[in-house]
């Protein structure tokens, strides 16, 4: 995969998500996909401000359910040689906007159990 390649991805979470679980599920699914193409450099861009700050050690993760997700994301990120986690405001996240508009036409991965339980 060439430098700067983006991997657009849609995700359907088929269980009741709580307290930002769905944001973490999306991040974990994206990281799994990214790592499956043997990338050495990973840049995570997310509008999930809380998670971005948690990964960059700017705020603590207190909620027990989010600690498990954060740990799983950190485990996945450790498989990449170079990692950068950036906040992209939702209003500036054009990729997410485009994906939200094509949801009816694109293949979607279905998640039936929590990522931190695998």
PDB file of N, CA and C in Angstrom:
ATOM      1  N   UNK A   1       0.850  -1.171   0.000  1.00  0.00           N
ATOM      2  CA  UNK A   1       0.000   0.000   0.000  1.00  0.00           C
ATOM      3  C   UNK A   1       0.896   1.235   0.000  1.00  0.00           C
ATOM      4  N   UNK A   2       0.582   2.223  -0.798  1.00  0.00           N
ATOM      5  CA  UNK A   2       1.423   3.404  -0.938  1.00  0.00           C
ATOM      6  C   UNK A   2       1.256   4.363   0.241  1.00  0.00           C
ATOM      7  N   UNK A   3       2.231   5.279   0.372  1.00  0.00           N
ATOM      8  CA  UNK A   3       2.151   6.282   1.423  1.00  0.00           C
ATOM      9  C   UNK A   3       0.879   7.102   1.270  1.00  0.00           C
ATOM     10  N   UNK A   4       0.242   7.382   2.376  1.00  0.00           N
ATOM     11  CA  UNK A   4      -0.928   8.227   2.370  1.00  0.00           C
ATOM     12  C   UNK A   4      -2.205   7.556   1.927  1.00  0.00           C
ATOM     13  N   UNK A   5      -2.187   6.255   1.718  1.00  0.00           N
ATOM     14  CA  UNK A   5      -3.403   5.563   1.291  1.00  0.00           C
ATOM     15  C   UNK A   5      -4.424   5.568   2.427  1.00  0.00           C
ATOM     16  N   UNK A   6      -5.653   5.773   2.064  1.00  0.00           N
ATOM     17  CA  UNK A   6      -6.745   5.720   3.038  1.00  0.00           C
ATOM     18  C   UNK A   6      -7.540   4.456   2.797  1.00  0.00           C
ATOM     19  N   UNK A   7      -8.067   3.899   3.865  1.00  0.00           N
ATOM     20  CA  UNK A   7      -8.883   2.705   3.764  1.00  0.00           C
ATOM     21  C   UNK A   7     -10.268   3.033   4.295  1.00  0.00           C
ATOM     22  N   UNK A   8     -11.184   3.465   3.427  1.00  0.00           N
ATOM     23  CA  UNK A   8     -12.536   3.771   3.905  1.00  0.00           C
ATOM     24  C   UNK A   8     -13.217   2.487   4.361  1.00  0.00           C
ATOM     25  N   UNK A   9     -13.977   2.586   5.431  1.00  0.00           N
ATOM     26  CA  UNK A   9     -14.545   1.391   6.022  1.00  0.00           C
ATOM     27  C   UNK A   9     -15.827   1.738   6.761  1.00  0.00           C
ATOM     28  N   UNK A  10     -16.844   0.923   6.574  1.00  0.00           N
ATOM     29  CA  UNK A  10     -18.110   1.095   7.289  1.00  0.00           C
ATOM     30  C   UNK A  10     -18.291  -0.070   8.247  1.00  0.00           C
ATOM     31  N   UNK A  11     -18.954   0.181   9.360  1.00  0.00           N
ATOM     32  CA  UNK A  11     -19.104  -0.817  10.402  1.00  0.00           C
ATOM     33  C   UNK A  11     -20.513  -0.773  10.962  1.00  0.00           C
ATOM     34  N   UNK A  12     -21.123  -1.944  11.105  1.00  0.00           N
ATOM     35  CA  UNK A  12     -22.440  -2.049  11.724  1.00  0.00           C
ATOM     36  C   UNK A  12     -22.285  -2.810  13.035  1.00  0.00           C
ATOM     37  N   UNK A  13     -22.534  -2.142  14.152  1.00  0.00           N
ATOM     38  CA  UNK A  13     -22.421  -2.763  15.464  1.00  0.00           C
ATOM     39  C   UNK A  13     -23.789  -3.313  15.836  1.00  0.00           C
ATOM     40  N   UNK A  14     -23.882  -4.646  15.956  1.00  0.00           N
ATOM     41  CA  UNK A  14     -25.167  -5.293  16.209  1.00  0.00           C
ATOM     42  C   UNK A  14     -25.347  -5.712  17.666  1.00  0.00           C
ATOM     43  N   UNK A  15     -24.969  -4.841  18.561  1.00  0.00           N
ATOM     44  CA  UNK A  15     -25.251  -5.042  19.975  1.00  0.00           C
ATOM     45  C   UNK A  15     -25.394  -3.664  20.592  1.00  0.00           C
ATOM     46  N   UNK A  16     -25.979  -3.626  21.761  1.00  0.00           N
ATOM     47  CA  UNK A  16     -26.205  -2.337  22.407  1.00  0.00           C
ATOM     48  C   UNK A  16     -24.870  -1.772  22.888  1.00  0.00           C
ATOM     49  N   UNK A  17     -24.474  -0.668  22.311  1.00  0.00           N
ATOM     50  CA  UNK A  17     -23.224  -0.006  22.683  1.00  0.00           C
ATOM     51  C   UNK A  17     -23.532   1.093  23.698  1.00  0.00           C
ATOM     52  N   UNK A  18     -22.604   1.314  24.600  1.00  0.00           N
ATOM     53  CA  UNK A  18     -22.817   2.337  25.620  1.00  0.00           C
ATOM     54  C   UNK A  18     -21.566   3.182  25.801  1.00  0.00           C
ATOM     55  N   UNK A  19     -21.762   4.386  26.242  1.00  0.00           N
ATOM     56  CA  UNK A  19     -20.677   5.273  26.649  1.00  0.00           C
ATOM     57  C   UNK A  19     -19.498   5.271  25.675  1.00  0.00           C
ATOM     58  N   UNK A  20     -19.772   5.566  24.450  1.00  0.00           N
ATOM     59  CA  UNK A  20     -18.747   5.687  23.404  1.00  0.00           C
ATOM     60  C   UNK A  20     -18.153   4.365  22.932  1.00  0.00           C
ATOM     61  N   UNK A  21     -18.756   3.231  23.308  1.00  0.00           N
ATOM     62  CA  UNK A  21     -18.271   1.931  22.841  1.00  0.00           C
ATOM     63  C   UNK A  21     -18.212   1.871  21.327  1.00  0.00           C
ATOM     64  N   UNK A  22     -19.235   2.421  20.664  1.00  0.00           N
ATOM     65  CA  UNK A  22     -19.283   2.342  19.208  1.00  0.00           C
ATOM     66  C   UNK A  22     -18.120   3.072  18.555  1.00  0.00           C
ATOM     67  N   UNK A  23     -17.674   4.168  19.152  1.00  0.00           N
ATOM     68  CA  UNK A  23     -16.512   4.896  18.608  1.00  0.00           C
ATOM     69  C   UNK A  23     -15.253   4.034  18.706  1.00  0.00           C
ATOM     70  N   UNK A  24     -15.095   3.361  19.827  1.00  0.00           N
ATOM     71  CA  UNK A  24     -13.942   2.474  19.989  1.00  0.00           C
ATOM     72  C   UNK A  24     -14.041   1.277  19.046  1.00  0.00           C
ATOM     73  N   UNK A  25     -15.226   0.708  18.910  1.00  0.00           N
ATOM     74  CA  UNK A  25     -15.400  -0.427  17.994  1.00  0.00           C
ATOM     75  C   UNK A  25     -14.968  -0.039  16.586  1.00  0.00           C
ATOM     76  N   UNK A  26     -15.360   1.140  16.148  1.00  0.00           N
ATOM     77  CA  UNK A  26     -14.988   1.610  14.814  1.00  0.00           C
ATOM     78  C   UNK A  26     -13.474   1.774  14.695  1.00  0.00           C
ATOM     79  N   UNK A  27     -12.859   2.319  15.739  1.00  0.00           N
ATOM     80  CA  UNK A  27     -11.415   2.517  15.714  1.00  0.00           C
ATOM     81  C   UNK A  27     -10.689   1.168  15.671  1.00  0.00           C
ATOM     82  N   UNK A  28     -11.153   0.205  16.441  1.00  0.00           N
ATOM     83  CA  UNK A  28     -10.530  -1.117  16.476  1.00  0.00           C
ATOM     84  C   UNK A  28     -10.685  -1.816  15.127  1.00  0.00           C
ATOM     85  N   UNK A  29     -11.869  -1.746  14.545  1.00  0.00           N
ATOM     86  CA  UNK A  29     -12.090  -2.362  13.225  1.00  0.00           C
ATOM     87  C   UNK A  29     -11.180  -1.732  12.180  1.00  0.00           C
ATOM     88  N   UNK A  30     -11.040  -0.424  12.218  1.00  0.00           N
ATOM     89  CA  UNK A  30     -10.158   0.266  11.277  1.00  0.00           C
ATOM     90  C   UNK A  30      -8.705  -0.123  11.459  1.00  0.00           C
ATOM     91  N   UNK A  31      -8.272  -0.264  12.714  1.00  0.00           N
ATOM     92  CA  UNK A  31      -6.893  -0.674  12.974  1.00  0.00           C
ATOM     93  C   UNK A  31      -6.640  -2.102  12.508  1.00  0.00           C
ATOM     94  N   UNK A  32      -7.591  -2.990  12.746  1.00  0.00           N
ATOM     95  CA  UNK A  32      -7.428  -4.376  12.271  1.00  0.00           C
ATOM     96  C   UNK A  32      -7.281  -4.405  10.754  1.00  0.00           C
ATOM     97  N   UNK A  33      -8.102  -3.637  10.078  1.00  0.00           N
ATOM     98  CA  UNK A  33      -8.026  -3.583   8.619  1.00  0.00           C
ATOM     99  C   UNK A  33      -6.690  -2.998   8.173  1.00  0.00           C
ATOM    100  N   UNK A  34      -6.276  -1.931   8.796  1.00  0.00           N
ATOM    101  CA  UNK A  34      -5.004  -1.294   8.456  1.00  0.00           C
ATOM    102  C   UNK A  34      -3.843  -2.251   8.658  1.00  0.00           C
ATOM    103  N   UNK A  35      -3.826  -2.946   9.782  1.00  0.00           N
ATOM    104  CA  UNK A  35      -2.729  -3.871  10.078  1.00  0.00           C
ATOM    105  C   UNK A  35      -2.745  -5.085   9.161  1.00  0.00           C
ATOM    106  N   UNK A  36      -3.905  -5.422   8.616  1.00  0.00           N
ATOM    107  CA  UNK A  36      -3.997  -6.586   7.718  1.00  0.00           C
ATOM    108  C   UNK A  36      -3.286  -6.342   6.388  1.00  0.00           C
ATOM    109  N   UNK A  37      -3.000  -5.094   6.054  1.00  0.00           N
ATOM    110  CA  UNK A  37      -2.277  -4.792   4.815  1.00  0.00           C
ATOM    111  C   UNK A  37      -0.800  -4.506   5.087  1.00  0.00           C
ATOM    112  N   UNK A  38      -0.344  -4.910   6.268  1.00  0.00           N
ATOM    113  CA  UNK A  38       1.072  -4.857   6.651  1.00  0.00           C
ATOM    114  C   UNK A  38       1.674  -3.462   6.542  1.00  0.00           C
ATOM    115  N   UNK A  39       0.996  -2.502   7.053  1.00  0.00           N
ATOM    116  CA  UNK A  39       1.524  -1.147   7.066  1.00  0.00           C
ATOM    117  C   UNK A  39       2.535  -0.972   8.192  1.00  0.00           C
ATOM    118  N   UNK A  40       3.530  -0.125   7.972  1.00  0.00           N
ATOM    119  CA  UNK A  40       4.527   0.161   9.002  1.00  0.00           C
ATOM    120  C   UNK A  40       4.211   1.453   9.734  1.00  0.00           C
ATOM    121  N   UNK A  41       3.514   2.353   9.051  1.00  0.00           N
ATOM    122  CA  UNK A  41       3.168   3.644   9.633  1.00  0.00           C
ATOM    123  C   UNK A  41       1.648   3.752   9.681  1.00  0.00           C
ATOM    124  N   UNK A  42       1.136   4.051  10.851  1.00  0.00           N
ATOM    125  CA  UNK A  42      -0.311   4.158  11.023  1.00  0.00           C
ATOM    126  C   UNK A  42      -0.664   5.537  11.556  1.00  0.00           C
ATOM    127  N   UNK A  43      -1.555   6.206  10.862  1.00  0.00           N
ATOM    128  CA  UNK A  43      -2.084   7.484  11.338  1.00  0.00           C
ATOM    129  C   UNK A  43      -3.573   7.296  11.551  1.00  0.00           C
ATOM    130  N   UNK A  44      -3.989   7.444  12.803  1.00  0.00           N
ATOM    131  CA  UNK A  44      -5.407   7.340  13.149  1.00  0.00           C
ATOM    132  C   UNK A  44      -5.946   8.757  13.220  1.00  0.00           C
ATOM    133  N   UNK A  45      -6.961   9.034  12.413  1.00  0.00           N
ATOM    134  CA  UNK A  45      -7.628  10.326  12.460  1.00  0.00           C
ATOM    135  C   UNK A  45      -9.060  10.072  12.911  1.00  0.00           C
ATOM    136  N   UNK A  46      -9.430  10.709  14.011  1.00  0.00           N
ATOM    137  CA  UNK A  46     -10.733  10.448  14.594  1.00  0.00           C
ATOM    138  C   UNK A  46     -11.362  11.737  15.100  1.00  0.00           C
ATOM    139  N   UNK A  47     -12.684  11.802  14.994  1.00  0.00           N
ATOM    140  CA  UNK A  47     -13.385  12.936  15.591  1.00  0.00           C
ATOM    141  C   UNK A  47     -13.793  12.616  17.037  1.00  0.00           C
ATOM    142  N   UNK A  48     -13.367  11.487  17.534  1.00  0.00           N
ATOM    143  CA  UNK A  48     -13.639  11.049  18.907  1.00  0.00           C
ATOM    144  C   UNK A  48     -12.581  11.683  19.820  1.00  0.00           C
ATOM    145  N   UNK A  49     -12.858  12.917  20.234  1.00  0.00           N
ATOM    146  CA  UNK A  49     -11.916  13.756  20.972  1.00  0.00           C
ATOM    147  C   UNK A  49     -11.390  13.080  22.234  1.00  0.00           C
ATOM    148  N   UNK A  50     -12.278  12.438  22.983  1.00  0.00           N
ATOM    149  CA  UNK A  50     -11.887  11.808  24.242  1.00  0.00           C
ATOM    150  C   UNK A  50     -10.847  10.718  24.003  1.00  0.00           C
ATOM    151  N   UNK A  51     -11.100   9.824  23.046  1.00  0.00           N
ATOM    152  CA  UNK A  51     -10.166   8.726  22.778  1.00  0.00           C
ATOM    153  C   UNK A  51      -8.825   9.253  22.293  1.00  0.00           C
ATOM    154  N   UNK A  52      -8.841  10.222  21.410  1.00  0.00           N
ATOM    155  CA  UNK A  52      -7.591  10.789  20.904  1.00  0.00           C
ATOM    156  C   UNK A  52      -6.758  11.323  22.066  1.00  0.00           C
ATOM    157  N   UNK A  53      -7.387  12.038  22.973  1.00  0.00           N
ATOM    158  CA  UNK A  53      -6.662  12.579  24.122  1.00  0.00           C
ATOM    159  C   UNK A  53      -6.195  11.478  25.077  1.00  0.00           C
ATOM    160  N   UNK A  54      -6.953  10.396  25.182  1.00  0.00           N
ATOM    161  CA  UNK A  54      -6.528   9.276  26.016  1.00  0.00           C
ATOM    162  C   UNK A  54      -5.280   8.619  25.426  1.00  0.00           C
ATOM    163  N   UNK A  55      -5.255   8.397  24.127  1.00  0.00           N
ATOM    164  CA  UNK A  55      -4.103   7.762  23.485  1.00  0.00           C
ATOM    165  C   UNK A  55      -2.866   8.643  23.540  1.00  0.00           C
ATOM    166  N   UNK A  56      -3.076   9.941  23.513  1.00  0.00           N
ATOM    167  CA  UNK A  56      -1.955  10.880  23.554  1.00  0.00           C
ATOM    168  C   UNK A  56      -1.619  11.310  24.985  1.00  0.00           C
ATOM    169  N   UNK A  57      -2.159  10.597  25.969  1.00  0.00           N
ATOM    170  CA  UNK A  57      -1.904  10.849  27.397  1.00  0.00           C
ATOM    171  C   UNK A  57      -2.234  12.272  27.834  1.00  0.00           C
ATOM    172  N   UNK A  58      -3.287  12.833  27.251  1.00  0.00           N
ATOM    173  CA  UNK A  58      -3.726  14.168  27.653  1.00  0.00           C
ATOM    174  C   UNK A  58      -4.894  14.114  28.628  1.00  0.00           C
ATOM    175  N   UNK A  59      -5.504  12.941  28.765  1.00  0.00           N
ATOM    176  CA  UNK A  59      -6.553  12.763  29.772  1.00  0.00           C
ATOM    177  C   UNK A  59      -6.616  11.284  30.164  1.00  0.00           C
ATOM    178  N   UNK A  60      -7.132  11.049  31.359  1.00  0.00           N
ATOM    179  CA  UNK A  60      -7.201   9.688  31.893  1.00  0.00           C
ATOM    180  C   UNK A  60      -8.436   8.971  31.375  1.00  0.00           C
ATOM    181  N   UNK A  61      -8.359   7.651  31.344  1.00  0.00           N
ATOM    182  CA  UNK A  61      -9.505   6.819  31.016  1.00  0.00           C
ATOM    183  C   UNK A  61     -10.041   6.273  32.327  1.00  0.00           C
ATOM    184  N   UNK A  62     -11.236   6.692  32.692  1.00  0.00           N
ATOM    185  CA  UNK A  62     -11.785   6.334  33.992  1.00  0.00           C
ATOM    186  C   UNK A  62     -12.840   5.239  33.894  1.00  0.00           C
ATOM    187  N   UNK A  63     -13.745   5.345  32.935  1.00  0.00           N
ATOM    188  CA  UNK A  63     -14.835   4.368  32.804  1.00  0.00           C
ATOM    189  C   UNK A  63     -14.256   2.983  32.515  1.00  0.00           C
ATOM    190  N   UNK A  64     -14.665   2.001  33.304  1.00  0.00           N
ATOM    191  CA  UNK A  64     -14.107   0.649  33.196  1.00  0.00           C
ATOM    192  C   UNK A  64     -14.274   0.050  31.800  1.00  0.00           C
ATOM    193  N   UNK A  65     -15.441   0.252  31.194  1.00  0.00           N
ATOM    194  CA  UNK A  65     -15.657  -0.308  29.863  1.00  0.00           C
ATOM    195  C   UNK A  65     -14.735   0.349  28.829  1.00  0.00           C
ATOM    196  N   UNK A  66     -14.422   1.609  28.994  1.00  0.00           N
ATOM    197  CA  UNK A  66     -13.546   2.297  28.043  1.00  0.00           C
ATOM    198  C   UNK A  66     -12.076   1.926  28.254  1.00  0.00           C
ATOM    199  N   UNK A  67     -11.708   1.575  29.478  1.00  0.00           N
ATOM    200  CA  UNK A  67     -10.330   1.147  29.744  1.00  0.00           C
ATOM    201  C   UNK A  67     -10.011  -0.093  28.910  1.00  0.00           C
ATOM    202  N   UNK A  68     -10.942  -1.032  28.843  1.00  0.00           N
ATOM    203  CA  UNK A  68     -10.729  -2.255  28.058  1.00  0.00           C
ATOM    204  C   UNK A  68     -10.555  -1.933  26.575  1.00  0.00           C
ATOM    205  N   UNK A  69     -11.392  -1.033  26.069  1.00  0.00           N
ATOM    206  CA  UNK A  69     -11.274  -0.641  24.664  1.00  0.00           C
ATOM    207  C   UNK A  69      -9.961   0.088  24.411  1.00  0.00           C
ATOM    208  N   UNK A  70      -9.616   1.029  25.287  1.00  0.00           N
ATOM    209  CA  UNK A  70      -8.368   1.774  25.120  1.00  0.00           C
ATOM    210  C   UNK A  70      -7.174   0.819  25.100  1.00  0.00           C
ATOM    211  N   UNK A  71      -7.166  -0.150  26.016  1.00  0.00           N
ATOM    212  CA  UNK A  71      -6.075  -1.119  26.069  1.00  0.00           C
ATOM    213  C   UNK A  71      -5.995  -1.941  24.779  1.00  0.00           C
ATOM    214  N   UNK A  72      -7.152  -2.312  24.226  1.00  0.00           N
ATOM    215  CA  UNK A  72      -7.172  -3.089  22.974  1.00  0.00           C
ATOM    216  C   UNK A  72      -6.625  -2.255  21.823  1.00  0.00           C
ATOM    217  N   UNK A  73      -7.004  -0.990  21.765  1.00  0.00           N
ATOM    218  CA  UNK A  73      -6.497  -0.105  20.711  1.00  0.00           C
ATOM    219  C   UNK A  73      -4.983   0.061  20.864  1.00  0.00           C
ATOM    220  N   UNK A  74      -4.505   0.258  22.081  1.00  0.00           N
ATOM    221  CA  UNK A  74      -3.072   0.413  22.300  1.00  0.00           C
ATOM    222  C   UNK A  74      -2.318  -0.858  21.904  1.00  0.00           C
ATOM    223  N   UNK A  75      -2.915  -2.013  22.178  1.00  0.00           N
ATOM    224  CA  UNK A  75      -2.306  -3.283  21.783  1.00  0.00           C
ATOM    225  C   UNK A  75      -2.173  -3.348  20.262  1.00  0.00           C
ATOM    226  N   UNK A  76      -3.222  -2.961  19.557  1.00  0.00           N
ATOM    227  CA  UNK A  76      -3.173  -2.974  18.087  1.00  0.00           C
ATOM    228  C   UNK A  76      -2.178  -1.951  17.565  1.00  0.00           C
ATOM    229  N   UNK A  77      -2.167  -0.762  18.162  1.00  0.00           N
ATOM    230  CA  UNK A  77      -1.237   0.275  17.712  1.00  0.00           C
ATOM    231  C   UNK A  77       0.215  -0.141  17.912  1.00  0.00           C
ATOM    232  N   UNK A  78       0.477  -0.956  18.910  1.00  0.00           N
ATOM    233  CA  UNK A  78       1.854  -1.387  19.178  1.00  0.00           C
ATOM    234  C   UNK A  78       2.402  -2.285  18.070  1.00  0.00           C
ATOM    235  N   UNK A  79       1.545  -2.794  17.198  1.00  0.00           N
ATOM    236  CA  UNK A  79       1.976  -3.656  16.094  1.00  0.00           C
ATOM    237  C   UNK A  79       2.491  -2.857  14.904  1.00  0.00           C
ATOM    238  N   UNK A  80       2.310  -1.562  14.945  1.00  0.00           N
ATOM    239  CA  UNK A  80       2.784  -0.701  13.872  1.00  0.00           C
ATOM    240  C   UNK A  80       4.072  -0.021  14.330  1.00  0.00           C
ATOM    241  N   UNK A  81       5.034   0.139  13.421  1.00  0.00           N
ATOM    242  CA  UNK A  81       6.325   0.725  13.787  1.00  0.00           C
ATOM    243  C   UNK A  81       6.218   2.195  14.153  1.00  0.00           C
ATOM    244  N   UNK A  82       5.350   2.906  13.464  1.00  0.00           N
ATOM    245  CA  UNK A  82       5.180   4.336  13.721  1.00  0.00           C
ATOM    246  C   UNK A  82       3.688   4.629  13.811  1.00  0.00           C
ATOM    247  N   UNK A  83       3.292   5.319  14.877  1.00  0.00           N
ATOM    248  CA  UNK A  83       1.867   5.574  15.126  1.00  0.00           C
ATOM    249  C   UNK A  83       1.660   7.041  15.454  1.00  0.00           C
ATOM    250  N   UNK A  84       0.605   7.587  14.891  1.00  0.00           N
ATOM    251  CA  UNK A  84       0.194   8.947  15.210  1.00  0.00           C
ATOM    252  C   UNK A  84      -1.326   8.938  15.336  1.00  0.00           C
ATOM    253  N   UNK A  85      -1.836   9.518  16.423  1.00  0.00           N
ATOM    254  CA  UNK A  85      -3.277   9.593  16.643  1.00  0.00           C
ATOM    255  C   UNK A  85      -3.651  11.073  16.664  1.00  0.00           C
ATOM    256  N   UNK A  86      -4.503  11.459  15.712  1.00  0.00           N
ATOM    257  CA  UNK A  86      -4.855  12.870  15.539  1.00  0.00           C
ATOM    258  C   UNK A  86      -6.358  13.085  15.675  1.00  0.00           C
ATOM    259  N   UNK A  87      -6.708  14.226  16.259  1.00  0.00           N
ATOM    260  CA  UNK A  87      -8.117  14.597  16.319  1.00  0.00           C
ATOM    261  C   UNK A  87      -8.475  15.388  15.063  1.00  0.00           C
ATOM    262  N   UNK A  88      -9.561  15.000  14.426  1.00  0.00           N
ATOM    263  CA  UNK A  88     -10.094  15.722  13.274  1.00  0.00           C
ATOM    264  C   UNK A  88     -11.519  16.129  13.653  1.00  0.00           C
ATOM    265  N   UNK A  89     -11.783  17.418  13.783  1.00  0.00           N
ATOM    266  CA  UNK A  89     -13.143  17.824  14.143  1.00  0.00           C
ATOM    267  C   UNK A  89     -14.165  17.253  13.161  1.00  0.00           C
ATOM    268  N   UNK A  90     -15.305  16.861  13.678  1.00  0.00           N
ATOM    269  CA  UNK A  90     -16.342  16.255  12.834  1.00  0.00           C
ATOM    270  C   UNK A  90     -16.680  17.147  11.641  1.00  0.00           C
ATOM    271  N   UNK A  91     -16.691  18.446  11.858  1.00  0.00           N
ATOM    272  CA  UNK A  91     -17.017  19.375  10.765  1.00  0.00           C
ATOM    273  C   UNK A  91     -15.947  19.377   9.672  1.00  0.00           C
ATOM    274  N   UNK A  92     -14.733  18.925   9.996  1.00  0.00           N
ATOM    275  CA  UNK A  92     -13.639  18.874   9.019  1.00  0.00           C
ATOM    276  C   UNK A  92     -13.367  17.472   8.507  1.00  0.00           C
ATOM    277  N   UNK A  93     -14.104  16.491   8.995  1.00  0.00           N
ATOM    278  CA  UNK A  93     -13.843  15.102   8.645  1.00  0.00           C
ATOM    279  C   UNK A  93     -14.627  14.723   7.388  1.00  0.00           C
ATOM    280  N   UNK A  94     -14.093  15.114   6.256  1.00  0.00           N
ATOM    281  CA  UNK A  94     -14.762  14.884   4.975  1.00  0.00           C
ATOM    282  C   UNK A  94     -14.932  13.396   4.674  1.00  0.00           C
ATOM    283  N   UNK A  95     -13.948  12.588   5.035  1.00  0.00           N
ATOM    284  CA  UNK A  95     -14.040  11.147   4.780  1.00  0.00           C
ATOM    285  C   UNK A  95     -15.240  10.537   5.487  1.00  0.00           C
ATOM    286  N   UNK A  96     -15.433  10.894   6.752  1.00  0.00           N
ATOM    287  CA  UNK A  96     -16.577  10.364   7.508  1.00  0.00           C
ATOM    288  C   UNK A  96     -17.890  10.854   6.899  1.00  0.00           C
ATOM    289  N   UNK A  97     -17.905  12.088   6.440  1.00  0.00           N
ATOM    290  CA  UNK A  97     -19.112  12.625   5.826  1.00  0.00           C
ATOM    291  C   UNK A  97     -19.473  11.846   4.561  1.00  0.00           C
ATOM    292  N   UNK A  98     -18.472  11.608   3.718  1.00  0.00           N
ATOM    293  CA  UNK A  98     -18.716  10.868   2.471  1.00  0.00           C
ATOM    294  C   UNK A  98     -19.188   9.455   2.780  1.00  0.00           C
ATOM    295  N   UNK A  99     -18.532   8.770   3.718  1.00  0.00           N
ATOM    296  CA  UNK A  99     -18.941   7.411   4.076  1.00  0.00           C
ATOM    297  C   UNK A  99     -20.373   7.382   4.597  1.00  0.00           C
ATOM    298  N   UNK A 100     -20.755   8.389   5.362  1.00  0.00           N
ATOM    299  CA  UNK A 100     -22.128   8.415   5.896  1.00  0.00           C
ATOM    300  C   UNK A 100     -23.155   8.550   4.776  1.00  0.00           C
ATOM    301  N   UNK A 101     -22.767   9.147   3.666  1.00  0.00           N
ATOM    302  CA  UNK A 101     -23.696   9.341   2.551  1.00  0.00           C
ATOM    303  C   UNK A 101     -23.789   8.112   1.642  1.00  0.00           C
ATOM    304  N   UNK A 102     -22.760   7.246   1.650  1.00  0.00           N
ATOM    305  CA  UNK A 102     -22.796   6.081   0.766  1.00  0.00           C
ATOM    306  C   UNK A 102     -23.109   4.787   1.509  1.00  0.00           C
ATOM    307  N   UNK A 103     -23.533   4.896   2.733  1.00  0.00           N
ATOM    308  CA  UNK A 103     -23.769   3.724   3.565  1.00  0.00           C
ATOM    309  C   UNK A 103     -24.711   2.711   2.914  1.00  0.00           C
ATOM    310  N   UNK A 104     -25.632   3.155   2.107  1.00  0.00           N
ATOM    311  CA  UNK A 104     -26.581   2.245   1.448  1.00  0.00           C
ATOM    312  C   UNK A 104     -25.937   1.433   0.334  1.00  0.00           C
ATOM    313  N   UNK A 105     -24.787   1.856  -0.148  1.00  0.00           N
ATOM    314  CA  UNK A 105     -24.192   1.236  -1.325  1.00  0.00           C
ATOM    315  C   UNK A 105     -22.891   0.488  -1.067  1.00  0.00           C
ATOM    316  N   UNK A 106     -22.291   0.684   0.078  1.00  0.00           N
ATOM    317  CA  UNK A 106     -20.968   0.119   0.344  1.00  0.00           C
ATOM    318  C   UNK A 106     -21.058  -1.156   1.179  1.00  0.00           C
ATOM    319  N   UNK A 107     -20.083  -2.050   1.024  1.00  0.00           N
ATOM    320  CA  UNK A 107     -20.055  -3.239   1.891  1.00  0.00           C
ATOM    321  C   UNK A 107     -19.781  -2.818   3.328  1.00  0.00           C
ATOM    322  N   UNK A 108     -20.416  -3.485   4.248  1.00  0.00           N
ATOM    323  CA  UNK A 108     -20.299  -3.132   5.663  1.00  0.00           C
ATOM    324  C   UNK A 108     -19.892  -4.369   6.449  1.00  0.00           C
ATOM    325  N   UNK A 109     -18.907  -4.216   7.329  1.00  0.00           N
ATOM    326  CA  UNK A 109     -18.564  -5.286   8.256  1.00  0.00           C
ATOM    327  C   UNK A 109     -19.575  -5.267   9.398  1.00  0.00           C
ATOM    328  N   UNK A 110     -19.990  -6.435   9.819  1.00  0.00           N
ATOM    329  CA  UNK A 110     -20.941  -6.559  10.919  1.00  0.00           C
ATOM    330  C   UNK A 110     -20.188  -7.072  12.135  1.00  0.00           C
ATOM    331  N   UNK A 111     -20.357  -6.391  13.254  1.00  0.00           N
ATOM    332  CA  UNK A 111     -19.719  -6.773  14.489  1.00  0.00           C
ATOM    333  C   UNK A 111     -20.797  -7.272  15.439  1.00  0.00           C
ATOM    334  N   UNK A 112     -20.661  -8.508  15.887  1.00  0.00           N
ATOM    335  CA  UNK A 112     -21.686  -9.098  16.750  1.00  0.00           C
ATOM    336  C   UNK A 112     -21.249  -9.257  18.194  1.00  0.00           C
ATOM    337  N   UNK A 113     -19.961  -8.998  18.462  1.00  0.00           N
ATOM    338  CA  UNK A 113     -19.513  -9.014  19.848  1.00  0.00           C
ATOM    339  C   UNK A 113     -18.445  -7.937  20.049  1.00  0.00           C
ATOM    340  N   UNK A 114     -18.268  -7.539  21.265  1.00  0.00           N
ATOM    341  CA  UNK A 114     -17.354  -6.442  21.578  1.00  0.00           C
ATOM    342  C   UNK A 114     -15.899  -6.809  21.256  1.00  0.00           C
ATOM    343  N   UNK A 115     -15.168  -5.852  20.717  1.00  0.00           N
ATOM    344  CA  UNK A 115     -13.776  -6.082  20.324  1.00  0.00           C
ATOM    345  C   UNK A 115     -12.895  -6.395  21.522  1.00  0.00           C
ATOM    346  N   UNK A 116     -13.200  -5.850  22.666  1.00  0.00           N
ATOM    347  CA  UNK A 116     -12.346  -6.085  23.835  1.00  0.00           C
ATOM    348  C   UNK A 116     -12.610  -7.443  24.460  1.00  0.00           C
ATOM    349  N   UNK A 117     -13.536  -8.206  23.908  1.00  0.00           N
ATOM    350  CA  UNK A 117     -13.832  -9.553  24.412  1.00  0.00           C
ATOM    351  C   UNK A 117     -13.175 -10.636  23.577  1.00  0.00           C
ATOM    352  N   UNK A 118     -12.447 -10.249  22.506  1.00  0.00           N
ATOM    353  CA  UNK A 118     -11.813 -11.242  21.625  1.00  0.00           C
ATOM    354  C   UNK A 118     -10.405 -11.534  22.046  1.00  0.00           C
TER     355      UNK A 118
END
